[in-house]
Amino acid sequence: MVFPGDFLGYAEEYIPGYGVYEEDGKLFAATAGKAVVEEKTLRVIPVNSIPEVGKNDVVVGRVVDTRGSFAMVEIARKEGNSRALRHYDRGFLHVSNMSEGYLKNVEDGVRYMDIIRARVIDSNLRLSIKEREMGVIKAICEKCSTPLLREKDKLKCPECGNVEKRKISEYYGKGEW
């Protein structure tokens, strides 16, 4: 196992490959992983690589801002991969990508601090929660900050009785995400 900056050998012995850089005739690891020599080429194979997010991926994230017709979502992880992302990407969820039906404003679909499950629809990290499996999977009461419980197509606070509307995922409250 090598780490970035680890000395691996000399340029006169090996050809630098993927994950290896040369400095003053010496070869160093550019990434963490396993050093491998194949036909005089020295490379580093990344171990436990960090996932990237791309089109059609399903992601879990937190709504960090709502403005006018869109919500900004901090993407925490790519579904199907338990490792955290390289960095927290920010995705954008437009009101037109929240429901098959008409929503008057973004807060009819999601609100600040909601945890959502969404599909990435393009390389600019535009998101969609139109599908039945997508939408809010965890939310807190706007009045008292208690986790909301699902009651059919609405969310209700068990403490203060406040009822709130969201675009709810079929996974809401199940922890299967």
N, C-alpha and C. Protein backbone atom coordinates (compact mmCIF):
# COMPACT_ATOMS: atom_id res chain seq x y z
N MET A 1 0.85 -1.18 0.00
CA MET A 1 0.00 0.00 0.00
C MET A 1 0.89 1.24 0.00
N VAL A 2 0.63 2.15 -0.92
CA VAL A 2 1.39 3.39 -0.99
C VAL A 2 0.43 4.57 -0.84
N PHE A 3 0.99 5.70 -0.47
CA PHE A 3 0.21 6.91 -0.28
C PHE A 3 0.80 8.03 -1.12
N PRO A 4 0.02 9.08 -1.42
CA PRO A 4 0.54 10.17 -2.22
C PRO A 4 1.86 10.71 -1.66
N GLY A 5 2.86 10.84 -2.55
CA GLY A 5 4.15 11.36 -2.15
C GLY A 5 5.17 10.29 -1.80
N ASP A 6 4.73 9.02 -1.65
CA ASP A 6 5.66 7.94 -1.33
C ASP A 6 6.64 7.72 -2.50
N PHE A 7 7.92 7.55 -2.19
CA PHE A 7 8.95 7.25 -3.18
C PHE A 7 8.76 5.82 -3.67
N LEU A 8 8.77 5.65 -5.01
CA LEU A 8 8.52 4.33 -5.59
C LEU A 8 9.72 3.76 -6.35
N GLY A 9 10.58 4.62 -6.85
CA GLY A 9 11.72 4.13 -7.63
C GLY A 9 12.31 5.25 -8.46
N TYR A 10 13.17 4.85 -9.43
CA TYR A 10 13.84 5.83 -10.27
C TYR A 10 13.34 5.74 -11.71
N ALA A 11 13.31 6.88 -12.39
CA ALA A 11 12.84 6.96 -13.78
C ALA A 11 13.69 6.12 -14.71
N GLU A 12 14.95 5.88 -14.37
CA GLU A 12 15.81 5.06 -15.23
C GLU A 12 15.47 3.57 -15.12
N GLU A 13 14.72 3.20 -14.06
CA GLU A 13 14.32 1.80 -13.87
C GLU A 13 12.92 1.51 -14.42
N TYR A 14 12.02 2.48 -14.27
CA TYR A 14 10.61 2.28 -14.62
C TYR A 14 10.05 3.44 -15.44
N ILE A 15 9.00 3.13 -16.18
CA ILE A 15 8.24 4.15 -16.90
C ILE A 15 7.06 4.51 -16.00
N PRO A 16 6.83 5.81 -15.71
CA PRO A 16 5.70 6.17 -14.85
C PRO A 16 4.37 5.92 -15.56
N GLY A 17 3.48 5.22 -14.87
CA GLY A 17 2.14 4.93 -15.40
C GLY A 17 1.10 5.67 -14.58
N TYR A 18 -0.13 5.17 -14.64
CA TYR A 18 -1.25 5.79 -13.92
C TYR A 18 -0.93 5.88 -12.43
N GLY A 19 -1.20 7.04 -11.83
CA GLY A 19 -1.03 7.23 -10.40
C GLY A 19 0.41 7.43 -9.96
N VAL A 20 1.31 7.68 -10.93
CA VAL A 20 2.73 7.87 -10.62
C VAL A 20 3.21 9.14 -11.32
N TYR A 21 4.02 9.93 -10.62
CA TYR A 21 4.61 11.11 -11.25
C TYR A 21 6.12 11.11 -11.03
N GLU A 22 6.81 11.82 -11.94
CA GLU A 22 8.26 11.90 -11.89
C GLU A 22 8.69 13.29 -11.46
N GLU A 23 9.69 13.33 -10.59
CA GLU A 23 10.25 14.60 -10.14
C GLU A 23 11.75 14.39 -9.94
N ASP A 24 12.55 15.12 -10.71
CA ASP A 24 14.01 15.02 -10.63
C ASP A 24 14.52 13.59 -10.78
N GLY A 25 13.93 12.83 -11.69
CA GLY A 25 14.38 11.47 -11.95
C GLY A 25 13.86 10.43 -10.97
N LYS A 26 13.07 10.86 -9.99
CA LYS A 26 12.51 9.93 -9.01
C LYS A 26 11.01 9.78 -9.26
N LEU A 27 10.47 8.62 -8.96
CA LEU A 27 9.05 8.34 -9.15
C LEU A 27 8.34 8.29 -7.80
N PHE A 28 7.17 8.95 -7.76
CA PHE A 28 6.39 9.05 -6.53
C PHE A 28 4.93 8.68 -6.80
N ALA A 29 4.26 8.21 -5.77
CA ALA A 29 2.82 7.89 -5.87
C ALA A 29 2.03 9.19 -5.90
N ALA A 30 1.09 9.27 -6.84
CA ALA A 30 0.22 10.44 -6.94
C ALA A 30 -1.11 10.18 -6.24
N THR A 31 -1.36 8.92 -5.91
CA THR A 31 -2.63 8.54 -5.29
C THR A 31 -2.39 7.37 -4.33
N ALA A 32 -3.31 7.14 -3.46
CA ALA A 32 -3.21 5.99 -2.54
C ALA A 32 -3.63 4.73 -3.27
N GLY A 33 -2.94 3.64 -3.01
CA GLY A 33 -3.30 2.38 -3.63
C GLY A 33 -2.19 1.36 -3.58
N LYS A 34 -2.24 0.43 -4.53
CA LYS A 34 -1.26 -0.65 -4.59
C LYS A 34 -0.31 -0.40 -5.75
N ALA A 35 1.01 -0.37 -5.48
CA ALA A 35 2.01 -0.18 -6.52
C ALA A 35 2.19 -1.48 -7.28
N VAL A 36 2.17 -1.40 -8.62
CA VAL A 36 2.27 -2.57 -9.47
C VAL A 36 3.25 -2.27 -10.62
N VAL A 37 4.09 -3.25 -10.95
CA VAL A 37 5.00 -3.13 -12.09
C VAL A 37 4.57 -4.13 -13.15
N GLU A 38 4.33 -3.62 -14.36
CA GLU A 38 3.97 -4.46 -15.50
C GLU A 38 4.79 -4.01 -16.70
N GLU A 39 5.67 -4.88 -17.21
CA GLU A 39 6.51 -4.58 -18.37
C GLU A 39 7.24 -3.25 -18.22
N LYS A 40 7.92 -3.08 -17.12
CA LYS A 40 8.73 -1.89 -16.80
C LYS A 40 7.90 -0.63 -16.54
N THR A 41 6.56 -0.74 -16.54
CA THR A 41 5.71 0.41 -16.22
C THR A 41 5.26 0.28 -14.77
N LEU A 42 5.52 1.33 -14.01
CA LEU A 42 5.14 1.38 -12.60
C LEU A 42 3.87 2.21 -12.49
N ARG A 43 2.83 1.62 -11.91
CA ARG A 43 1.58 2.36 -11.73
C ARG A 43 0.99 2.06 -10.37
N VAL A 44 0.03 2.89 -9.98
CA VAL A 44 -0.66 2.71 -8.70
C VAL A 44 -2.12 2.44 -8.99
N ILE A 45 -2.59 1.29 -8.52
CA ILE A 45 -4.00 0.93 -8.66
C ILE A 45 -4.73 1.45 -7.43
N PRO A 46 -5.66 2.39 -7.61
CA PRO A 46 -6.37 2.92 -6.45
C PRO A 46 -7.13 1.83 -5.70
N VAL A 47 -7.08 1.86 -4.39
CA VAL A 47 -7.79 0.92 -3.54
C VAL A 47 -8.97 1.66 -2.93
N ASN A 48 -10.14 0.99 -2.92
CA ASN A 48 -11.35 1.62 -2.39
C ASN A 48 -11.57 2.99 -2.99
N SER A 49 -11.60 3.04 -4.30
CA SER A 49 -11.75 4.33 -4.96
C SER A 49 -13.04 5.02 -4.53
N ILE A 50 -13.00 6.31 -4.55
CA ILE A 50 -14.11 7.13 -4.11
C ILE A 50 -15.08 7.31 -5.28
N PRO A 51 -16.37 7.10 -5.06
CA PRO A 51 -17.32 7.14 -6.17
C PRO A 51 -17.53 8.53 -6.75
N GLU A 52 -17.78 8.56 -8.04
CA GLU A 52 -18.15 9.78 -8.74
C GLU A 52 -19.65 9.68 -9.03
N VAL A 53 -20.29 10.82 -9.19
CA VAL A 53 -21.72 10.86 -9.47
C VAL A 53 -21.91 11.21 -10.93
N GLY A 54 -22.76 10.45 -11.63
CA GLY A 54 -23.02 10.70 -13.04
C GLY A 54 -24.49 10.55 -13.39
N LYS A 55 -24.79 10.80 -14.64
CA LYS A 55 -26.16 10.73 -15.14
C LYS A 55 -26.79 9.37 -14.83
N ASN A 56 -28.04 9.39 -14.39
CA ASN A 56 -28.86 8.24 -14.04
C ASN A 56 -28.53 7.61 -12.69
N ASP A 57 -27.51 8.10 -12.00
CA ASP A 57 -27.21 7.59 -10.65
C ASP A 57 -28.30 8.03 -9.69
N VAL A 58 -28.55 7.20 -8.68
CA VAL A 58 -29.48 7.55 -7.61
C VAL A 58 -28.62 8.02 -6.45
N VAL A 59 -28.97 9.19 -5.90
CA VAL A 59 -28.18 9.78 -4.83
C VAL A 59 -29.07 10.12 -3.63
N VAL A 60 -28.42 10.25 -2.49
CA VAL A 60 -29.10 10.70 -1.27
C VAL A 60 -28.45 12.01 -0.87
N GLY A 61 -29.27 13.01 -0.56
CA GLY A 61 -28.73 14.31 -0.21
C GLY A 61 -29.66 15.08 0.70
N ARG A 62 -29.16 16.23 1.14
CA ARG A 62 -29.92 17.09 2.05
C ARG A 62 -30.20 18.42 1.37
N VAL A 63 -31.43 18.89 1.48
CA VAL A 63 -31.81 20.18 0.92
C VAL A 63 -31.16 21.26 1.78
N VAL A 64 -30.30 22.07 1.17
CA VAL A 64 -29.59 23.10 1.91
C VAL A 64 -30.08 24.51 1.60
N ASP A 65 -30.95 24.64 0.58
CA ASP A 65 -31.51 25.95 0.25
C ASP A 65 -32.70 25.77 -0.68
N THR A 66 -33.69 26.60 -0.53
CA THR A 66 -34.82 26.64 -1.46
C THR A 66 -35.02 28.10 -1.87
N ARG A 67 -35.15 28.29 -3.17
CA ARG A 67 -35.34 29.65 -3.69
C ARG A 67 -36.24 29.59 -4.90
N GLY A 68 -37.31 30.34 -4.86
CA GLY A 68 -38.19 30.43 -6.02
C GLY A 68 -38.61 29.08 -6.55
N SER A 69 -38.05 28.70 -7.69
CA SER A 69 -38.48 27.47 -8.36
C SER A 69 -37.48 26.32 -8.26
N PHE A 70 -36.45 26.45 -7.41
CA PHE A 70 -35.51 25.34 -7.29
C PHE A 70 -35.00 25.17 -5.86
N ALA A 71 -34.46 23.97 -5.61
CA ALA A 71 -33.84 23.66 -4.33
C ALA A 71 -32.40 23.24 -4.61
N MET A 72 -31.50 23.62 -3.72
CA MET A 72 -30.12 23.20 -3.81
C MET A 72 -29.95 22.03 -2.85
N VAL A 73 -29.33 20.95 -3.35
CA VAL A 73 -29.19 19.72 -2.58
C VAL A 73 -27.72 19.36 -2.44
N GLU A 74 -27.28 19.17 -1.20
CA GLU A 74 -25.92 18.71 -0.94
C GLU A 74 -25.94 17.19 -1.02
N ILE A 75 -25.29 16.65 -2.04
CA ILE A 75 -25.30 15.21 -2.27
C ILE A 75 -24.30 14.54 -1.33
N ALA A 76 -24.78 13.64 -0.49
CA ALA A 76 -23.93 12.99 0.50
C ALA A 76 -23.34 11.68 -0.01
N ARG A 77 -24.13 10.92 -0.78
CA ARG A 77 -23.61 9.65 -1.26
C ARG A 77 -24.38 9.16 -2.47
N LYS A 78 -23.72 8.29 -3.19
CA LYS A 78 -24.31 7.63 -4.34
C LYS A 78 -24.91 6.32 -3.84
N GLU A 79 -26.14 6.05 -4.17
CA GLU A 79 -26.78 4.83 -3.70
C GLU A 79 -26.07 3.60 -4.26
N GLY A 80 -25.97 2.58 -3.41
CA GLY A 80 -25.29 1.37 -3.81
C GLY A 80 -23.80 1.40 -3.48
N ASN A 81 -23.35 2.49 -2.91
CA ASN A 81 -21.95 2.62 -2.52
C ASN A 81 -21.92 3.25 -1.15
N SER A 82 -21.41 2.52 -0.18
CA SER A 82 -21.43 3.01 1.20
C SER A 82 -20.37 4.07 1.48
N ARG A 83 -19.41 4.22 0.55
CA ARG A 83 -18.35 5.20 0.75
C ARG A 83 -18.86 6.61 0.48
N ALA A 84 -18.33 7.56 1.23
CA ALA A 84 -18.68 8.96 1.02
C ALA A 84 -18.10 9.43 -0.31
N LEU A 85 -18.67 10.50 -0.85
CA LEU A 85 -18.15 11.07 -2.08
C LEU A 85 -16.83 11.77 -1.83
N ARG A 86 -16.08 12.01 -2.89
CA ARG A 86 -14.80 12.70 -2.80
C ARG A 86 -15.00 14.06 -2.13
N HIS A 87 -16.05 14.73 -2.47
CA HIS A 87 -16.42 15.99 -1.85
C HIS A 87 -17.93 16.08 -1.97
N TYR A 88 -18.53 16.94 -1.20
CA TYR A 88 -19.97 17.07 -1.29
C TYR A 88 -20.31 17.88 -2.53
N ASP A 89 -20.93 17.22 -3.50
CA ASP A 89 -21.39 17.92 -4.69
C ASP A 89 -22.72 18.57 -4.38
N ARG A 90 -23.00 19.64 -5.09
CA ARG A 90 -24.29 20.31 -4.95
C ARG A 90 -25.09 20.07 -6.21
N GLY A 91 -26.28 19.54 -6.04
CA GLY A 91 -27.18 19.30 -7.15
C GLY A 91 -28.32 20.29 -7.10
N PHE A 92 -29.00 20.45 -8.22
CA PHE A 92 -30.11 21.39 -8.30
C PHE A 92 -31.38 20.65 -8.69
N LEU A 93 -32.42 20.91 -7.92
CA LEU A 93 -33.71 20.27 -8.13
C LEU A 93 -34.73 21.36 -8.48
N HIS A 94 -35.16 21.38 -9.75
CA HIS A 94 -36.15 22.36 -10.21
C HIS A 94 -37.55 21.86 -9.90
N VAL A 95 -38.46 22.77 -9.64
CA VAL A 95 -39.84 22.40 -9.30
C VAL A 95 -40.48 21.53 -10.38
N SER A 96 -40.08 21.71 -11.63
CA SER A 96 -40.65 20.90 -12.73
C SER A 96 -40.17 19.46 -12.69
N ASN A 97 -39.14 19.16 -11.89
CA ASN A 97 -38.62 17.79 -11.77
C ASN A 97 -38.99 17.15 -10.44
N MET A 98 -40.05 17.66 -9.80
CA MET A 98 -40.46 17.14 -8.51
C MET A 98 -41.67 16.22 -8.56
N SER A 99 -42.51 16.43 -9.54
CA SER A 99 -43.76 15.67 -9.57
C SER A 99 -44.29 15.61 -11.00
N GLU A 100 -45.04 14.56 -11.30
CA GLU A 100 -45.69 14.48 -12.61
C GLU A 100 -46.79 15.54 -12.70
N GLY A 101 -47.40 15.86 -11.56
CA GLY A 101 -48.44 16.88 -11.52
C GLY A 101 -47.84 18.26 -11.29
N TYR A 102 -48.71 19.25 -11.22
CA TYR A 102 -48.27 20.63 -11.03
C TYR A 102 -48.00 20.93 -9.56
N LEU A 103 -46.87 21.55 -9.28
CA LEU A 103 -46.57 22.05 -7.95
C LEU A 103 -46.43 23.56 -8.06
N LYS A 104 -47.12 24.27 -7.20
CA LYS A 104 -47.11 25.74 -7.24
C LYS A 104 -45.73 26.30 -6.92
N ASN A 105 -45.07 25.74 -5.91
CA ASN A 105 -43.74 26.21 -5.56
C ASN A 105 -42.90 25.06 -5.04
N VAL A 106 -41.61 25.31 -4.93
CA VAL A 106 -40.66 24.27 -4.54
C VAL A 106 -40.95 23.68 -3.16
N GLU A 107 -41.47 24.47 -2.25
CA GLU A 107 -41.72 23.99 -0.88
C GLU A 107 -42.95 23.09 -0.77
N ASP A 108 -43.68 22.90 -1.86
CA ASP A 108 -44.73 21.89 -1.89
C ASP A 108 -44.11 20.50 -2.12
N GLY A 109 -42.84 20.49 -2.59
CA GLY A 109 -42.16 19.23 -2.86
C GLY A 109 -41.11 18.90 -1.82
N VAL A 110 -40.25 19.87 -1.50
CA VAL A 110 -39.18 19.67 -0.52
C VAL A 110 -39.00 20.96 0.28
N ARG A 111 -38.39 20.79 1.46
CA ARG A 111 -38.10 21.96 2.31
C ARG A 111 -36.69 21.86 2.87
N TYR A 112 -36.24 22.97 3.39
CA TYR A 112 -34.91 23.07 3.98
C TYR A 112 -34.69 21.95 5.00
N MET A 113 -33.55 21.28 4.92
CA MET A 113 -33.10 20.20 5.80
C MET A 113 -33.73 18.84 5.51
N ASP A 114 -34.62 18.73 4.53
CA ASP A 114 -35.16 17.42 4.16
C ASP A 114 -34.03 16.55 3.60
N ILE A 115 -34.10 15.26 3.87
CA ILE A 115 -33.21 14.29 3.27
C ILE A 115 -33.99 13.68 2.11
N ILE A 116 -33.38 13.70 0.91
CA ILE A 116 -34.10 13.21 -0.26
C ILE A 116 -33.31 12.13 -0.99
N ARG A 117 -34.05 11.36 -1.74
CA ARG A 117 -33.49 10.36 -2.65
C ARG A 117 -33.85 10.86 -4.04
N ALA A 118 -32.84 11.03 -4.92
CA ALA A 118 -33.08 11.64 -6.23
C ALA A 118 -32.27 10.95 -7.32
N ARG A 119 -32.71 11.15 -8.55
CA ARG A 119 -31.97 10.64 -9.71
C ARG A 119 -31.26 11.81 -10.38
N VAL A 120 -29.99 11.59 -10.75
CA VAL A 120 -29.22 12.59 -11.48
C VAL A 120 -29.66 12.53 -12.94
N ILE A 121 -30.09 13.67 -13.51
CA ILE A 121 -30.60 13.63 -14.88
C ILE A 121 -29.63 14.20 -15.92
N ASP A 122 -28.54 14.83 -15.48
CA ASP A 122 -27.52 15.26 -16.44
C ASP A 122 -26.19 15.51 -15.75
N SER A 123 -25.16 15.80 -16.54
CA SER A 123 -23.82 15.97 -16.01
C SER A 123 -23.65 17.25 -15.19
N ASN A 124 -24.63 18.15 -15.24
CA ASN A 124 -24.59 19.37 -14.42
C ASN A 124 -25.21 19.16 -13.05
N LEU A 125 -25.48 17.90 -12.71
CA LEU A 125 -26.07 17.49 -11.43
C LEU A 125 -27.46 18.08 -11.21
N ARG A 126 -28.24 18.15 -12.30
CA ARG A 126 -29.65 18.46 -12.13
C ARG A 126 -30.31 17.18 -11.65
N LEU A 127 -31.23 17.31 -10.70
CA LEU A 127 -31.85 16.15 -10.06
C LEU A 127 -33.33 16.07 -10.38
N SER A 128 -33.88 14.86 -10.21
CA SER A 128 -35.30 14.64 -10.37
C SER A 128 -35.80 13.73 -9.24
N ILE A 129 -37.00 14.03 -8.74
CA ILE A 129 -37.64 13.16 -7.75
C ILE A 129 -39.04 12.75 -8.23
N LYS A 130 -39.25 12.78 -9.54
CA LYS A 130 -40.56 12.45 -10.11
C LYS A 130 -40.97 10.99 -9.88
N GLU A 131 -40.01 10.08 -9.92
CA GLU A 131 -40.33 8.66 -9.77
C GLU A 131 -40.89 8.37 -8.38
N ARG A 132 -41.69 7.30 -8.30
CA ARG A 132 -42.33 6.93 -7.03
C ARG A 132 -41.33 6.66 -5.91
N GLU A 133 -40.17 6.09 -6.27
CA GLU A 133 -39.15 5.75 -5.27
C GLU A 133 -38.34 6.96 -4.83
N MET A 134 -38.46 8.04 -5.58
CA MET A 134 -37.67 9.24 -5.29
C MET A 134 -38.52 10.24 -4.50
N GLY A 135 -37.82 11.09 -3.76
CA GLY A 135 -38.51 12.13 -2.99
C GLY A 135 -37.94 12.21 -1.59
N VAL A 136 -38.71 12.81 -0.71
CA VAL A 136 -38.27 13.00 0.68
C VAL A 136 -38.29 11.66 1.41
N ILE A 137 -37.17 11.33 2.09
CA ILE A 137 -37.11 10.09 2.86
C ILE A 137 -37.01 10.37 4.35
N LYS A 138 -36.76 11.63 4.71
CA LYS A 138 -36.74 12.02 6.12
C LYS A 138 -36.96 13.52 6.19
N ALA A 139 -37.80 13.94 7.12
CA ALA A 139 -38.10 15.37 7.27
C ALA A 139 -38.37 15.68 8.74
N ILE A 140 -38.15 16.94 9.10
CA ILE A 140 -38.44 17.38 10.46
C ILE A 140 -39.53 18.45 10.43
N CYS A 141 -40.24 18.55 11.53
CA CYS A 141 -41.33 19.51 11.67
C CYS A 141 -40.79 20.94 11.58
N GLU A 142 -41.45 21.73 10.78
CA GLU A 142 -41.06 23.13 10.59
C GLU A 142 -41.26 23.94 11.88
N LYS A 143 -42.19 23.50 12.75
CA LYS A 143 -42.49 24.26 13.97
C LYS A 143 -41.67 23.84 15.18
N CYS A 144 -41.46 22.52 15.36
CA CYS A 144 -40.79 22.08 16.60
C CYS A 144 -39.56 21.19 16.37
N SER A 145 -39.20 20.94 15.11
CA SER A 145 -38.02 20.16 14.74
C SER A 145 -38.05 18.68 15.13
N THR A 146 -39.24 18.14 15.35
CA THR A 146 -39.41 16.72 15.64
C THR A 146 -39.50 15.97 14.30
N PRO A 147 -38.90 14.78 14.20
CA PRO A 147 -39.04 14.01 12.95
C PRO A 147 -40.51 13.75 12.63
N LEU A 148 -40.87 13.96 11.37
CA LEU A 148 -42.25 13.80 10.93
C LEU A 148 -42.55 12.34 10.60
N LEU A 149 -43.80 11.93 10.85
CA LEU A 149 -44.26 10.58 10.53
C LEU A 149 -45.18 10.67 9.32
N ARG A 150 -45.14 9.62 8.49
CA ARG A 150 -45.97 9.60 7.28
C ARG A 150 -47.39 9.17 7.60
N GLU A 151 -48.35 9.90 7.07
CA GLU A 151 -49.76 9.53 7.14
C GLU A 151 -50.34 9.71 5.74
N LYS A 152 -50.39 8.61 4.99
CA LYS A 152 -50.83 8.60 3.59
C LYS A 152 -49.94 9.50 2.74
N ASP A 153 -50.48 10.60 2.20
CA ASP A 153 -49.69 11.48 1.34
C ASP A 153 -49.22 12.75 2.04
N LYS A 154 -49.29 12.77 3.36
CA LYS A 154 -48.85 13.93 4.14
C LYS A 154 -47.91 13.47 5.25
N LEU A 155 -47.26 14.44 5.86
CA LEU A 155 -46.38 14.17 7.00
C LEU A 155 -46.93 14.88 8.22
N LYS A 156 -46.95 14.18 9.36
CA LYS A 156 -47.54 14.74 10.57
C LYS A 156 -46.54 14.65 11.72
N CYS A 157 -46.50 15.73 12.51
CA CYS A 157 -45.62 15.76 13.67
C CYS A 157 -46.31 15.09 14.86
N PRO A 158 -45.64 14.10 15.48
CA PRO A 158 -46.24 13.41 16.62
C PRO A 158 -46.25 14.27 17.90
N GLU A 159 -45.46 15.35 17.93
CA GLU A 159 -45.40 16.22 19.10
C GLU A 159 -46.44 17.33 19.07
N CYS A 160 -46.42 18.14 18.00
CA CYS A 160 -47.30 19.33 17.96
C CYS A 160 -48.50 19.17 17.04
N GLY A 161 -48.55 18.07 16.26
CA GLY A 161 -49.69 17.82 15.39
C GLY A 161 -49.63 18.56 14.06
N ASN A 162 -48.58 19.31 13.81
CA ASN A 162 -48.42 20.04 12.56
C ASN A 162 -48.43 19.07 11.38
N VAL A 163 -49.16 19.42 10.30
CA VAL A 163 -49.23 18.59 9.11
C VAL A 163 -48.55 19.34 7.96
N GLU A 164 -47.66 18.64 7.26
CA GLU A 164 -46.92 19.26 6.17
C GLU A 164 -46.99 18.39 4.93
N LYS A 165 -46.93 19.02 3.76
CA LYS A 165 -47.00 18.31 2.48
C LYS A 165 -45.61 18.30 1.85
N ARG A 166 -45.24 17.16 1.25
CA ARG A 166 -43.98 17.00 0.54
C ARG A 166 -44.20 16.01 -0.60
N LYS A 167 -43.21 15.90 -1.48
CA LYS A 167 -43.18 14.84 -2.49
C LYS A 167 -42.46 13.70 -1.76
N ILE A 168 -43.22 12.76 -1.24
CA ILE A 168 -42.70 11.70 -0.36
C ILE A 168 -42.28 10.48 -1.18
N SER A 169 -41.11 9.95 -0.86
CA SER A 169 -40.63 8.71 -1.48
C SER A 169 -41.34 7.52 -0.84
N GLU A 170 -41.48 6.44 -1.58
CA GLU A 170 -42.06 5.23 -0.99
C GLU A 170 -41.15 4.67 0.11
N TYR A 171 -39.91 5.14 0.18
CA TYR A 171 -38.96 4.69 1.20
C TYR A 171 -39.01 5.57 2.46
N TYR A 172 -39.92 6.51 2.52
CA TYR A 172 -39.94 7.43 3.67
C TYR A 172 -40.06 6.65 4.99
N GLY A 173 -39.13 6.94 5.89
CA GLY A 173 -39.15 6.37 7.24
C GLY A 173 -38.77 4.90 7.33
N LYS A 174 -38.40 4.27 6.22
CA LYS A 174 -38.08 2.85 6.25
C LYS A 174 -36.60 2.57 6.46
N GLY A 175 -35.77 3.58 6.25
CA GLY A 175 -34.34 3.39 6.42
C GLY A 175 -33.72 2.48 5.38
N GLU A 176 -34.39 2.26 4.24
CA GLU A 176 -33.90 1.37 3.17
C GLU A 176 -33.22 2.16 2.08
N TRP A 177 -32.40 3.10 2.43
CA TRP A 177 -31.75 3.94 1.42
C TRP A 177 -30.31 4.02 1.72
